[in-house]
């Protein structure tokens, strides 16, 4: 038996929580946990070329230290929260999808 399960059962036995609360806590322990995003995928396409780059979020965090303040300000003005992105707080999915003049830029958290 796991330590967490044992603690929940001890709390129930001591009357600190109800049976319903214990059931809820035990169910939460058994629920599959979502994996944190690990990479930012960037795809750039035009009529002739396609480039795909998967940047590990740990590397992106390091690279952020070298991003000039002016560029950070521009990104913030466009609604891009780099802190949230690099903290792994974003759900996997498309962040940016731009199309025009035969080119496409797509960035997503994977």
C-alpha atoms as a PDB file:
ATOM      1  CA  UNK A   1       0.000   0.000   0.000  1.00  0.00           C
ATOM      2  CA  UNK A   2       1.295   3.444  -0.871  1.00  0.00           C
ATOM      3  CA  UNK A   3       2.054   5.981   1.833  1.00  0.00           C
ATOM      4  CA  UNK A   4      -0.608   8.373   0.516  1.00  0.00           C
ATOM      5  CA  UNK A   5      -3.281   5.682   0.662  1.00  0.00           C
ATOM      6  CA  UNK A   6      -2.221   4.689   4.161  1.00  0.00           C
ATOM      7  CA  UNK A   7      -2.403   8.314   5.336  1.00  0.00           C
ATOM      8  CA  UNK A   8      -5.913   8.704   3.903  1.00  0.00           C
ATOM      9  CA  UNK A   9      -7.084   5.520   5.609  1.00  0.00           C
ATOM     10  CA  UNK A  10      -5.510   6.615   8.905  1.00  0.00           C
ATOM     11  CA  UNK A  11      -7.285   9.980   8.639  1.00  0.00           C
ATOM     12  CA  UNK A  12     -10.558   8.115   8.053  1.00  0.00           C
ATOM     13  CA  UNK A  13      -9.933   5.798  11.008  1.00  0.00           C
ATOM     14  CA  UNK A  14      -9.200   8.780  13.258  1.00  0.00           C
ATOM     15  CA  UNK A  15     -12.391  10.538  12.126  1.00  0.00           C
ATOM     16  CA  UNK A  16     -10.548  13.447  10.522  1.00  0.00           C
ATOM     17  CA  UNK A  17     -12.359  12.895   7.200  1.00  0.00           C
ATOM     18  CA  UNK A  18     -15.615  11.265   6.131  1.00  0.00           C
ATOM     19  CA  UNK A  19     -15.989   8.108   4.077  1.00  0.00           C
ATOM     20  CA  UNK A  20     -17.019  10.200   1.057  1.00  0.00           C
ATOM     21  CA  UNK A  21     -13.925  12.398   1.418  1.00  0.00           C
ATOM     22  CA  UNK A  22     -11.699   9.320   1.722  1.00  0.00           C
ATOM     23  CA  UNK A  23     -13.246   7.818  -1.415  1.00  0.00           C
ATOM     24  CA  UNK A  24     -12.668  11.063  -3.302  1.00  0.00           C
ATOM     25  CA  UNK A  25      -9.044  11.274  -2.193  1.00  0.00           C
ATOM     26  CA  UNK A  26      -8.346   7.626  -3.036  1.00  0.00           C
ATOM     27  CA  UNK A  27      -9.943   8.052  -6.464  1.00  0.00           C
ATOM     28  CA  UNK A  28      -7.769  11.112  -7.104  1.00  0.00           C
ATOM     29  CA  UNK A  29      -4.659   9.073  -6.315  1.00  0.00           C
ATOM     30  CA  UNK A  30      -5.652   6.449  -8.878  1.00  0.00           C
ATOM     31  CA  UNK A  31      -6.539   8.940 -11.618  1.00  0.00           C
ATOM     32  CA  UNK A  32      -3.952   9.142 -14.386  1.00  0.00           C
ATOM     33  CA  UNK A  33      -1.857  12.260 -14.160  1.00  0.00           C
ATOM     34  CA  UNK A  34      -1.422  14.458 -17.204  1.00  0.00           C
ATOM     35  CA  UNK A  35       2.104  14.743 -18.491  1.00  0.00           C
ATOM     36  CA  UNK A  36       3.633  18.181 -18.447  1.00  0.00           C
ATOM     37  CA  UNK A  37       4.521  19.562 -21.859  1.00  0.00           C
ATOM     38  CA  UNK A  38       8.137  18.899 -22.750  1.00  0.00           C
ATOM     39  CA  UNK A  39       8.730  20.777 -25.984  1.00  0.00           C
ATOM     40  CA  UNK A  40       7.657  23.669 -28.124  1.00  0.00           C
ATOM     41  CA  UNK A  41       7.210  22.562 -31.728  1.00  0.00           C
ATOM     42  CA  UNK A  42       7.681  25.251 -34.366  1.00  0.00           C
ATOM     43  CA  UNK A  43       6.863  24.615 -38.014  1.00  0.00           C
ATOM     44  CA  UNK A  44       7.527  27.132 -40.765  1.00  0.00           C
ATOM     45  CA  UNK A  45       6.327  26.412 -44.301  1.00  0.00           C
ATOM     46  CA  UNK A  46       6.349  28.299 -47.551  1.00  0.00           C
ATOM     47  CA  UNK A  47       5.668  27.206 -51.116  1.00  0.00           C
ATOM     48  CA  UNK A  48       9.038  25.484 -51.438  1.00  0.00           C
ATOM     49  CA  UNK A  49      10.330  24.608 -47.981  1.00  0.00           C
ATOM     50  CA  UNK A  50       9.179  23.200 -44.684  1.00  0.00           C
ATOM     51  CA  UNK A  51      11.187  23.484 -41.475  1.00  0.00           C
ATOM     52  CA  UNK A  52      10.220  21.852 -38.200  1.00  0.00           C
ATOM     53  CA  UNK A  53      11.972  22.519 -34.915  1.00  0.00           C
ATOM     54  CA  UNK A  54      11.166  20.921 -31.570  1.00  0.00           C
ATOM     55  CA  UNK A  55      12.697  22.967 -28.778  1.00  0.00           C
ATOM     56  CA  UNK A  56      12.864  21.259 -25.379  1.00  0.00           C
ATOM     57  CA  UNK A  57      11.297  23.579 -22.807  1.00  0.00           C
ATOM     58  CA  UNK A  58      14.394  23.313 -20.608  1.00  0.00           C
ATOM     59  CA  UNK A  59      16.535  24.651 -23.446  1.00  0.00           C
ATOM     60  CA  UNK A  60      13.993  27.378 -24.168  1.00  0.00           C
ATOM     61  CA  UNK A  61      14.171  28.481 -20.515  1.00  0.00           C
ATOM     62  CA  UNK A  62      17.926  28.830 -20.821  1.00  0.00           C
ATOM     63  CA  UNK A  63      17.630  30.727 -24.107  1.00  0.00           C
ATOM     64  CA  UNK A  64      15.121  33.145 -22.568  1.00  0.00           C
ATOM     65  CA  UNK A  65      17.927  34.561 -20.430  1.00  0.00           C
ATOM     66  CA  UNK A  66      19.540  35.891 -23.601  1.00  0.00           C
ATOM     67  CA  UNK A  67      16.395  37.427 -25.124  1.00  0.00           C
ATOM     68  CA  UNK A  68      16.704  41.250 -25.100  1.00  0.00           C
ATOM     69  CA  UNK A  69      14.217  43.146 -22.958  1.00  0.00           C
ATOM     70  CA  UNK A  70      12.846  44.976 -25.996  1.00  0.00           C
ATOM     71  CA  UNK A  71      11.915  41.663 -27.620  1.00  0.00           C
ATOM     72  CA  UNK A  72      10.324  40.399 -24.429  1.00  0.00           C
ATOM     73  CA  UNK A  73       8.267  43.599 -24.314  1.00  0.00           C
ATOM     74  CA  UNK A  74       7.150  43.122 -27.936  1.00  0.00           C
ATOM     75  CA  UNK A  75       6.070  39.563 -27.225  1.00  0.00           C
ATOM     76  CA  UNK A  76       4.208  40.655 -24.096  1.00  0.00           C
ATOM     77  CA  UNK A  77       2.449  43.375 -26.092  1.00  0.00           C
ATOM     78  CA  UNK A  78       1.274  40.671 -28.527  1.00  0.00           C
ATOM     79  CA  UNK A  79      -0.121  38.624 -25.638  1.00  0.00           C
ATOM     80  CA  UNK A  80       2.641  36.011 -25.504  1.00  0.00           C
ATOM     81  CA  UNK A  81       3.369  35.052 -21.895  1.00  0.00           C
ATOM     82  CA  UNK A  82       6.801  33.442 -22.042  1.00  0.00           C
ATOM     83  CA  UNK A  83       6.853  32.825 -18.310  1.00  0.00           C
ATOM     84  CA  UNK A  84       3.673  30.767 -18.481  1.00  0.00           C
ATOM     85  CA  UNK A  85       4.877  28.932 -21.554  1.00  0.00           C
ATOM     86  CA  UNK A  86       8.263  28.030 -20.151  1.00  0.00           C
ATOM     87  CA  UNK A  87       6.895  27.121 -16.735  1.00  0.00           C
ATOM     88  CA  UNK A  88       5.074  24.292 -18.494  1.00  0.00           C
ATOM     89  CA  UNK A  89       1.707  25.690 -17.435  1.00  0.00           C
ATOM     90  CA  UNK A  90       0.206  25.525 -20.902  1.00  0.00           C
ATOM     91  CA  UNK A  91      -1.787  22.563 -22.079  1.00  0.00           C
ATOM     92  CA  UNK A  92      -0.460  20.804 -25.182  1.00  0.00           C
ATOM     93  CA  UNK A  93      -1.944  22.345 -28.296  1.00  0.00           C
ATOM     94  CA  UNK A  94      -1.548  25.024 -30.949  1.00  0.00           C
ATOM     95  CA  UNK A  95      -0.254  28.384 -29.733  1.00  0.00           C
ATOM     96  CA  UNK A  96       0.118  30.189 -33.032  1.00  0.00           C
ATOM     97  CA  UNK A  97      -1.047  29.479 -36.571  1.00  0.00           C
ATOM     98  CA  UNK A  98      -0.307  32.191 -39.146  1.00  0.00           C
ATOM     99  CA  UNK A  99      -0.939  31.854 -42.871  1.00  0.00           C
ATOM    100  CA  UNK A 100      -0.373  34.259 -45.717  1.00  0.00           C
ATOM    101  CA  UNK A 101       1.356  34.741 -49.072  1.00  0.00           C
ATOM    102  CA  UNK A 102       1.965  31.022 -49.440  1.00  0.00           C
ATOM    103  CA  UNK A 103       3.722  30.739 -46.078  1.00  0.00           C
ATOM    104  CA  UNK A 104       2.590  29.294 -42.768  1.00  0.00           C
ATOM    105  CA  UNK A 105       4.035  29.555 -39.276  1.00  0.00           C
ATOM    106  CA  UNK A 106       2.684  27.238 -36.611  1.00  0.00           C
ATOM    107  CA  UNK A 107       3.858  26.887 -33.013  1.00  0.00           C
ATOM    108  CA  UNK A 108       2.450  24.323 -30.624  1.00  0.00           C
ATOM    109  CA  UNK A 109       3.196  22.822 -27.253  1.00  0.00           C
ATOM    110  CA  UNK A 110       3.719  19.070 -27.448  1.00  0.00           C
END
